[in-house]
Amino acid sequence: MWAWRHQLVETCNALLHPLGAQVLRTEEIERLRLIESRFFPVRGPSFQEGPLPSGAEDYLRPENPRLLQIKKSYEALSSPAIRHSIWRTEVRTINLRYFRGDNPYVFQFQQGNSELAHILTAYYTKTVDCLALLGRLKEDGEFGVYTFLFDDELVLSRDLLDSVNEILFLEETMELSKRSGLNVLDIGAGYGRLAYRMAAGVPSVSNYICVDAIPESSFLCEYYLEYRGVSPRARAVPLDEIEDVLAQVPVQLAINIHSFPECTMEAIDWWLDLLQRHRVQYLMIVPNHGTAFLSYELNGERLDFLPVIQSHRYQLLSSRPKYKNPSVQKYGVSPEAHYHLFMLSV
């Protein structure tokens, strides 16, 4: 334990050395360990309690007519995308009113993300944040997300840290901020986590289209983006309408964050065919198991879907660990991930 803590201290100090700072005194680490001990082990979905925005309690309920309408339209589809493996049961764990809590949309304590991991990740992110996103994108803790205070002023969440680092990867690989009129498609967008952050922090994005094969996700995403005031620039499109929307809006970048690994091979092939037919140039994928591209079949089998990506003429352009610093990749927030950017070949 002491060696682990010492490594964290040394890593943070190394990260902040160019800024002329030194962090994490012994008493601060002890304080964090005491806080962490109150939360672990976390055995299932949970959320940080707090007041809901006006109207949320009444709107965010299973009987909402809009949600029932989306469910009915999805049930009428024959697409492989709606034949779910993991999400047949995962959706039942989502509390609609506290949808940003610790649940399958964004695992927080359930994935071992302590306060110390959030703070270490924040120090690292400050050193690579060429777009100053941490200073511009705010976390308010609404809808049940777990938060931690950093530098006595910045409120952290996995939602915020993951979003910032994903945007920075796109900036690094395709100069996101220098493009104009960029249209983005987010496949498996969940409640619209990244959509909100991109719309708020990247002016070059003209349209951010969210689509999800889970009715509850489309319902929540539609509500969340409207609540955050970024709609219609960022908007949720029901699955049964996505073909028509893509025919009207030429998308240059598709994003899939921890979604394909929760789909069957048949569903992944369907999504990739959609992208290829609409000539989407770039595709960012974040698998669940590092560099392994594994589907989740109806019988629980895991299959390599990288050949399916390549069969649709998407070739790997760039790939790296989620965090460039090896220690942060080991101890940071949900560090197992790797980022991959593919490009459609002519």
Protein backbone atom coordinates (compact mmCIF):
# COMPACT_ATOMS: atom_id res chain seq x y z
CA MET A 1 0.00 0.00 0.00
CA TRP A 2 2.76 2.46 0.95
CA ALA A 3 4.63 1.81 -2.30
CA TRP A 4 1.41 2.37 -4.25
CA ARG A 5 0.72 5.66 -2.48
CA HIS A 6 4.32 6.80 -2.94
CA GLN A 7 4.05 6.07 -6.67
CA LEU A 8 0.92 8.22 -6.89
CA VAL A 9 2.65 11.11 -5.14
CA GLU A 10 5.69 10.86 -7.39
CA THR A 11 3.52 10.66 -10.50
CA CYS A 12 1.50 13.74 -9.56
CA ASN A 13 4.65 15.68 -8.74
CA ALA A 14 6.24 14.67 -12.06
CA LEU A 15 3.13 15.73 -13.94
CA LEU A 16 3.01 19.13 -12.30
CA HIS A 17 6.75 19.83 -12.33
CA PRO A 18 6.52 21.83 -15.61
CA LEU A 19 3.90 24.00 -13.90
CA GLY A 20 6.17 24.68 -10.92
CA ALA A 21 3.88 22.84 -8.49
CA GLN A 22 4.10 19.97 -6.03
CA VAL A 23 1.09 18.16 -4.64
CA LEU A 24 -0.40 15.58 -2.30
CA ARG A 25 1.06 15.92 1.18
CA THR A 26 0.94 12.85 3.45
CA GLU A 27 -1.97 14.21 5.47
CA GLU A 28 -3.91 14.84 2.26
CA ILE A 29 -3.45 11.22 1.19
CA GLU A 30 -4.66 10.06 4.60
CA ARG A 31 -7.75 12.24 4.24
CA LEU A 32 -8.49 10.72 0.83
CA ARG A 33 -8.04 7.19 2.16
CA LEU A 34 -10.56 7.85 4.94
CA ILE A 35 -13.07 9.19 2.42
CA GLU A 36 -12.52 6.21 0.14
CA SER A 37 -13.08 3.75 2.98
CA ARG A 38 -16.65 5.02 3.35
CA PHE A 39 -17.51 3.97 -0.21
CA PHE A 40 -15.79 0.64 -0.86
CA PRO A 41 -16.76 -1.96 -1.69
CA VAL A 42 -19.65 -0.75 -3.85
CA ARG A 43 -21.60 -3.77 -4.99
CA GLY A 44 -24.16 -2.37 -7.38
CA PRO A 45 -25.75 0.67 -9.01
CA SER A 46 -26.04 3.75 -6.82
CA PHE A 47 -26.21 7.52 -7.13
CA GLN A 48 -25.26 10.65 -5.26
CA GLU A 49 -28.43 11.99 -3.73
CA GLY A 50 -29.44 15.57 -4.38
CA PRO A 51 -32.33 17.74 -5.53
CA LEU A 52 -33.63 17.29 -9.06
CA PRO A 53 -34.22 20.19 -11.47
CA SER A 54 -37.72 21.54 -11.75
CA GLY A 55 -40.01 19.14 -13.63
CA ALA A 56 -37.49 16.29 -13.75
CA GLU A 57 -39.21 14.08 -11.20
CA ASP A 58 -42.48 14.18 -13.10
CA TYR A 59 -40.94 13.80 -16.58
CA LEU A 60 -38.30 11.14 -15.91
CA ARG A 61 -40.59 8.19 -15.23
CA PRO A 62 -41.20 4.85 -16.97
CA GLU A 63 -44.79 5.83 -17.83
CA ASN A 64 -43.82 8.98 -19.73
CA PRO A 65 -45.76 8.99 -23.05
CA ARG A 66 -42.64 10.04 -24.97
CA LEU A 67 -40.69 7.05 -23.66
CA LEU A 68 -43.57 4.70 -24.48
CA GLN A 69 -43.72 6.16 -27.99
CA ILE A 70 -40.00 5.52 -28.56
CA LYS A 71 -40.34 1.98 -27.21
CA LYS A 72 -43.20 1.25 -29.59
CA SER A 73 -41.28 2.53 -32.61
CA TYR A 74 -38.20 0.46 -31.68
CA GLU A 75 -40.28 -2.69 -31.22
CA ALA A 76 -41.50 -2.32 -34.80
CA LEU A 77 -37.94 -2.41 -36.18
CA SER A 78 -36.30 -5.50 -37.63
CA SER A 79 -32.74 -4.16 -37.31
CA PRO A 80 -30.10 -6.40 -35.67
CA ALA A 81 -29.20 -3.36 -33.56
CA ILE A 82 -32.21 -3.94 -31.31
CA ARG A 83 -31.42 -7.59 -30.60
CA HIS A 84 -29.54 -6.95 -27.38
CA SER A 85 -27.16 -9.13 -25.43
CA ILE A 86 -25.87 -7.24 -22.36
CA TRP A 87 -28.49 -4.50 -22.44
CA ARG A 88 -31.42 -6.90 -22.20
CA THR A 89 -30.84 -6.77 -18.45
CA GLU A 90 -28.55 -3.75 -17.92
CA VAL A 91 -31.30 -1.27 -18.76
CA ARG A 92 -33.28 -2.45 -15.74
CA THR A 93 -30.58 -1.05 -13.43
CA ILE A 94 -30.98 2.51 -14.73
CA ASN A 95 -32.77 4.92 -12.40
CA LEU A 96 -34.38 7.34 -14.88
CA ARG A 97 -34.32 10.25 -12.45
CA TYR A 98 -30.69 9.74 -11.45
CA PHE A 99 -29.43 8.52 -14.81
CA ARG A 100 -25.96 10.02 -14.33
CA GLY A 101 -25.34 7.87 -11.25
CA ASP A 102 -23.07 4.85 -10.97
CA ASN A 103 -24.73 2.58 -13.53
CA PRO A 104 -23.96 0.92 -16.91
CA TYR A 105 -23.94 4.29 -18.68
CA VAL A 106 -20.88 5.40 -16.70
CA PHE A 107 -19.51 3.02 -14.09
CA GLN A 108 -17.96 5.01 -11.27
CA PHE A 109 -17.27 3.33 -7.90
CA GLN A 110 -18.32 0.02 -9.44
CA GLN A 111 -15.19 0.22 -11.59
CA GLY A 112 -12.93 1.07 -8.67
CA ASN A 113 -12.69 4.79 -9.38
CA SER A 114 -11.71 6.33 -6.05
CA GLU A 115 -11.42 10.01 -5.21
CA LEU A 116 -7.65 9.62 -5.39
CA ALA A 117 -7.92 8.25 -8.94
CA HIS A 118 -10.04 11.25 -9.96
CA ILE A 119 -7.54 13.71 -8.53
CA LEU A 120 -4.56 11.95 -10.13
CA THR A 121 -6.40 12.00 -13.47
CA ALA A 122 -7.21 15.68 -13.07
CA TYR A 123 -3.55 16.55 -12.47
CA TYR A 124 -2.58 14.58 -15.56
CA THR A 125 -5.36 16.11 -17.68
CA LYS A 126 -4.25 19.62 -16.75
CA THR A 127 -0.83 18.92 -18.26
CA VAL A 128 -2.24 17.77 -21.63
CA ASP A 129 -5.30 20.03 -21.86
CA CYS A 130 -4.29 22.12 -24.88
CA LEU A 131 -7.89 23.32 -25.33
CA ALA A 132 -8.32 24.43 -21.68
CA LEU A 133 -11.43 22.27 -21.45
CA LEU A 134 -11.20 21.66 -17.70
CA GLY A 135 -11.51 25.39 -17.14
CA ARG A 136 -14.49 25.76 -19.48
CA LEU A 137 -16.55 22.61 -19.01
CA LYS A 138 -18.27 22.50 -15.65
CA GLU A 139 -19.65 19.70 -13.50
CA ASP A 140 -22.68 20.50 -11.35
CA GLY A 141 -23.36 17.04 -9.92
CA GLU A 142 -26.91 16.88 -11.23
CA PHE A 143 -28.87 13.68 -11.86
CA GLY A 144 -26.93 11.58 -9.37
CA VAL A 145 -23.35 11.68 -10.69
CA TYR A 146 -20.60 11.23 -8.07
CA THR A 147 -18.33 14.27 -7.77
CA PHE A 148 -15.06 15.25 -6.07
CA LEU A 149 -13.48 18.63 -5.42
CA PHE A 150 -10.12 19.41 -7.02
CA ASP A 151 -7.92 22.40 -6.11
CA ASP A 152 -10.78 23.72 -3.92
CA GLU A 153 -12.64 24.98 -7.00
CA LEU A 154 -12.97 22.41 -9.78
CA VAL A 155 -15.68 19.78 -9.41
CA LEU A 156 -14.69 16.46 -10.98
CA SER A 157 -16.63 13.47 -12.25
CA ARG A 158 -15.77 10.53 -14.47
CA ASP A 159 -18.22 12.03 -16.98
CA LEU A 160 -16.14 15.21 -17.18
CA LEU A 161 -12.68 13.61 -17.14
CA ASP A 162 -13.52 10.95 -19.73
CA SER A 163 -15.15 13.50 -22.01
CA VAL A 164 -12.20 15.90 -21.85
CA ASN A 165 -9.67 13.16 -22.59
CA GLU A 166 -11.73 11.80 -25.49
CA ILE A 167 -11.97 15.28 -27.02
CA LEU A 168 -8.22 15.77 -26.56
CA PHE A 169 -7.53 12.50 -28.39
CA LEU A 170 -9.58 13.75 -31.34
CA GLU A 171 -7.76 17.07 -31.21
CA GLU A 172 -4.44 15.24 -31.25
CA THR A 173 -5.34 12.93 -34.15
CA MET A 174 -7.54 15.05 -36.43
CA GLU A 175 -7.19 18.65 -35.15
CA LEU A 176 -10.81 18.79 -34.09
CA SER A 177 -10.81 22.46 -33.11
CA LYS A 178 -9.42 23.60 -36.47
CA ARG A 179 -12.17 22.03 -38.55
CA SER A 180 -15.28 23.94 -39.49
CA GLY A 181 -18.78 22.64 -39.97
CA LEU A 182 -17.98 19.24 -38.45
CA ASN A 183 -20.90 16.81 -38.18
CA VAL A 184 -20.57 13.99 -35.64
CA LEU A 185 -22.54 10.79 -35.12
CA ASP A 186 -22.38 9.19 -31.66
CA ILE A 187 -23.43 5.51 -31.82
CA GLY A 188 -24.53 4.21 -28.43
CA ALA A 189 -24.60 7.74 -27.04
CA GLY A 190 -26.31 6.80 -23.77
CA TYR A 191 -27.69 9.88 -22.02
CA GLY A 192 -25.60 12.24 -24.17
CA ARG A 193 -22.52 12.60 -21.96
CA LEU A 194 -19.99 13.34 -24.70
CA ALA A 195 -22.51 15.17 -26.88
CA TYR A 196 -23.05 17.81 -24.21
CA ARG A 197 -19.32 18.27 -23.60
CA MET A 198 -18.51 18.52 -27.33
CA ALA A 199 -21.31 20.99 -27.99
CA ALA A 200 -20.25 23.11 -25.01
CA GLY A 201 -16.50 22.98 -25.62
CA VAL A 202 -15.82 22.54 -29.35
CA PRO A 203 -17.23 25.37 -31.51
CA SER A 204 -16.15 23.64 -34.74
CA VAL A 205 -18.90 21.03 -34.25
CA SER A 206 -21.99 22.08 -36.21
CA ASN A 207 -24.15 19.00 -35.63
CA TYR A 208 -23.77 16.30 -33.02
CA ILE A 209 -26.22 13.47 -33.64
CA CYS A 210 -26.84 10.92 -30.91
CA VAL A 211 -28.36 7.54 -31.68
CA ASP A 212 -28.91 4.53 -29.44
CA ALA A 213 -30.69 1.21 -29.84
CA ILE A 214 -32.01 1.37 -26.25
CA PRO A 215 -35.31 3.32 -25.99
CA GLU A 216 -34.52 4.60 -22.49
CA SER A 217 -31.19 5.98 -23.74
CA SER A 218 -32.82 7.90 -26.60
CA PHE A 219 -35.44 9.23 -24.18
CA LEU A 220 -32.88 10.37 -21.60
CA CYS A 221 -30.51 11.80 -24.22
CA GLU A 222 -33.30 13.85 -25.78
CA TYR A 223 -34.21 15.24 -22.36
CA TYR A 224 -30.63 15.84 -21.20
CA LEU A 225 -29.45 17.76 -24.27
CA GLU A 226 -32.54 19.95 -24.17
CA TYR A 227 -32.05 20.52 -20.45
CA ARG A 228 -28.41 21.50 -21.01
CA GLY A 229 -29.43 24.00 -23.70
CA VAL A 230 -27.32 22.52 -26.51
CA SER A 231 -30.22 21.21 -28.59
CA PRO A 232 -30.77 21.25 -31.58
CA ARG A 233 -27.04 21.56 -32.34
CA ALA A 234 -26.61 18.39 -30.32
CA ARG A 235 -29.68 16.20 -30.49
CA ALA A 236 -30.96 12.68 -30.03
CA VAL A 237 -32.30 10.92 -33.11
CA PRO A 238 -34.45 7.81 -32.62
CA LEU A 239 -33.09 4.69 -34.28
CA ASP A 240 -35.99 4.46 -36.73
CA GLU A 241 -35.15 7.95 -38.07
CA ILE A 242 -31.37 7.70 -38.37
CA GLU A 243 -31.26 6.73 -42.07
CA ASP A 244 -33.28 9.80 -43.07
CA VAL A 245 -31.16 12.11 -40.92
CA LEU A 246 -27.87 10.79 -42.32
CA ALA A 247 -29.21 11.28 -45.84
CA GLN A 248 -29.64 14.98 -45.02
CA VAL A 249 -26.62 15.62 -42.77
CA PRO A 250 -23.22 14.51 -44.12
CA VAL A 251 -21.33 13.12 -41.13
CA GLN A 252 -17.53 13.20 -41.14
CA LEU A 253 -16.86 11.58 -37.75
CA ALA A 254 -18.54 8.68 -35.96
CA ILE A 255 -17.83 7.88 -32.31
CA ASN A 256 -18.42 4.66 -30.40
CA ILE A 257 -17.43 4.74 -26.74
CA HIS A 258 -17.74 1.40 -24.91
CA SER A 259 -20.75 0.45 -27.05
CA PHE A 260 -19.71 -2.03 -29.75
CA PRO A 261 -18.25 -4.39 -27.10
CA GLU A 262 -21.78 -4.58 -25.64
CA CYS A 263 -23.31 -5.55 -29.01
CA THR A 264 -23.51 -8.73 -31.03
CA MET A 265 -21.35 -9.16 -34.11
CA GLU A 266 -24.47 -8.90 -36.25
CA ALA A 267 -25.37 -5.53 -34.72
CA ILE A 268 -21.80 -4.21 -35.12
CA ASP A 269 -21.81 -5.23 -38.78
CA TRP A 270 -25.14 -3.41 -39.24
CA TRP A 271 -23.77 -0.19 -37.73
CA LEU A 272 -20.57 -0.33 -39.77
CA ASP A 273 -22.56 -0.90 -42.95
CA LEU A 274 -24.55 2.23 -42.10
CA LEU A 275 -21.34 4.25 -41.73
CA GLN A 276 -19.80 2.89 -44.91
CA ARG A 277 -22.91 3.56 -47.00
CA HIS A 278 -23.01 7.15 -45.79
CA ARG A 279 -19.26 7.52 -46.34
CA VAL A 280 -18.39 8.59 -42.80
CA GLN A 281 -14.67 9.34 -43.04
CA TYR A 282 -13.47 8.87 -39.44
CA LEU A 283 -14.49 6.40 -36.76
CA MET A 284 -13.33 6.57 -33.13
CA ILE A 285 -13.78 3.40 -31.09
CA VAL A 286 -13.07 2.83 -27.41
CA PRO A 287 -13.37 -0.90 -26.59
CA ASN A 288 -13.95 -2.25 -23.11
CA HIS A 289 -10.83 -4.41 -23.00
CA GLY A 290 -7.82 -2.31 -23.98
CA THR A 291 -6.74 -3.21 -27.48
CA ALA A 292 -9.11 -6.19 -27.83
CA PHE A 293 -12.15 -5.65 -30.05
CA LEU A 294 -14.58 -8.17 -28.55
CA SER A 295 -18.31 -8.39 -29.20
CA TYR A 296 -20.83 -9.80 -26.73
CA GLU A 297 -23.02 -12.46 -28.30
CA LEU A 298 -26.47 -13.60 -27.16
CA ASN A 299 -24.93 -16.75 -25.69
CA GLY A 300 -22.22 -14.77 -23.88
CA GLU A 301 -19.48 -15.64 -26.36
CA ARG A 302 -16.90 -12.95 -27.15
CA LEU A 303 -15.83 -12.58 -30.78
CA ASP A 304 -13.13 -10.43 -32.41
CA PHE A 305 -14.87 -7.72 -34.44
CA LEU A 306 -11.72 -6.01 -35.75
CA PRO A 307 -11.96 -7.98 -39.04
CA VAL A 308 -15.53 -6.69 -39.43
CA ILE A 309 -14.28 -3.11 -39.06
CA GLN A 310 -11.64 -3.74 -41.70
CA SER A 311 -14.11 -5.48 -44.04
CA HIS A 312 -16.02 -2.21 -44.18
CA ARG A 313 -12.82 -0.50 -45.36
CA TYR A 314 -12.00 1.22 -42.09
CA GLN A 315 -8.23 1.16 -41.49
CA LEU A 316 -6.53 2.01 -38.21
CA LEU A 317 -5.09 5.52 -38.30
CA SER A 318 -4.05 6.03 -34.67
CA SER A 319 -4.13 4.06 -31.43
CA ARG A 320 -2.86 4.69 -27.92
CA PRO A 321 -3.64 4.08 -24.24
CA LYS A 322 -6.26 6.34 -22.69
CA TYR A 323 -3.53 8.13 -20.72
CA LYS A 324 -0.07 8.74 -22.13
CA ASN A 325 1.56 8.57 -18.70
CA PRO A 326 2.11 4.89 -17.70
CA SER A 327 1.38 5.50 -14.02
CA VAL A 328 -1.88 7.29 -14.78
CA GLN A 329 -2.79 4.49 -17.18
CA LYS A 330 -2.36 2.17 -14.20
CA TYR A 331 -3.95 4.24 -11.41
CA GLY A 332 -6.22 6.78 -13.13
CA VAL A 333 -9.97 6.78 -13.67
CA SER A 334 -11.06 3.65 -15.57
CA PRO A 335 -7.56 3.27 -17.04
CA GLU A 336 -7.95 0.01 -18.97
CA ALA A 337 -9.24 1.74 -22.11
CA HIS A 338 -7.38 2.46 -25.32
CA TYR A 339 -8.39 5.02 -27.95
CA HIS A 340 -8.53 4.03 -31.62
CA LEU A 341 -9.18 6.19 -34.68
CA PHE A 342 -10.03 4.56 -38.00
CA MET A 343 -10.31 6.14 -41.41
CA LEU A 344 -12.43 5.01 -44.36
CA SER A 345 -10.19 4.02 -47.27
CA VAL A 346 -11.07 5.06 -50.80
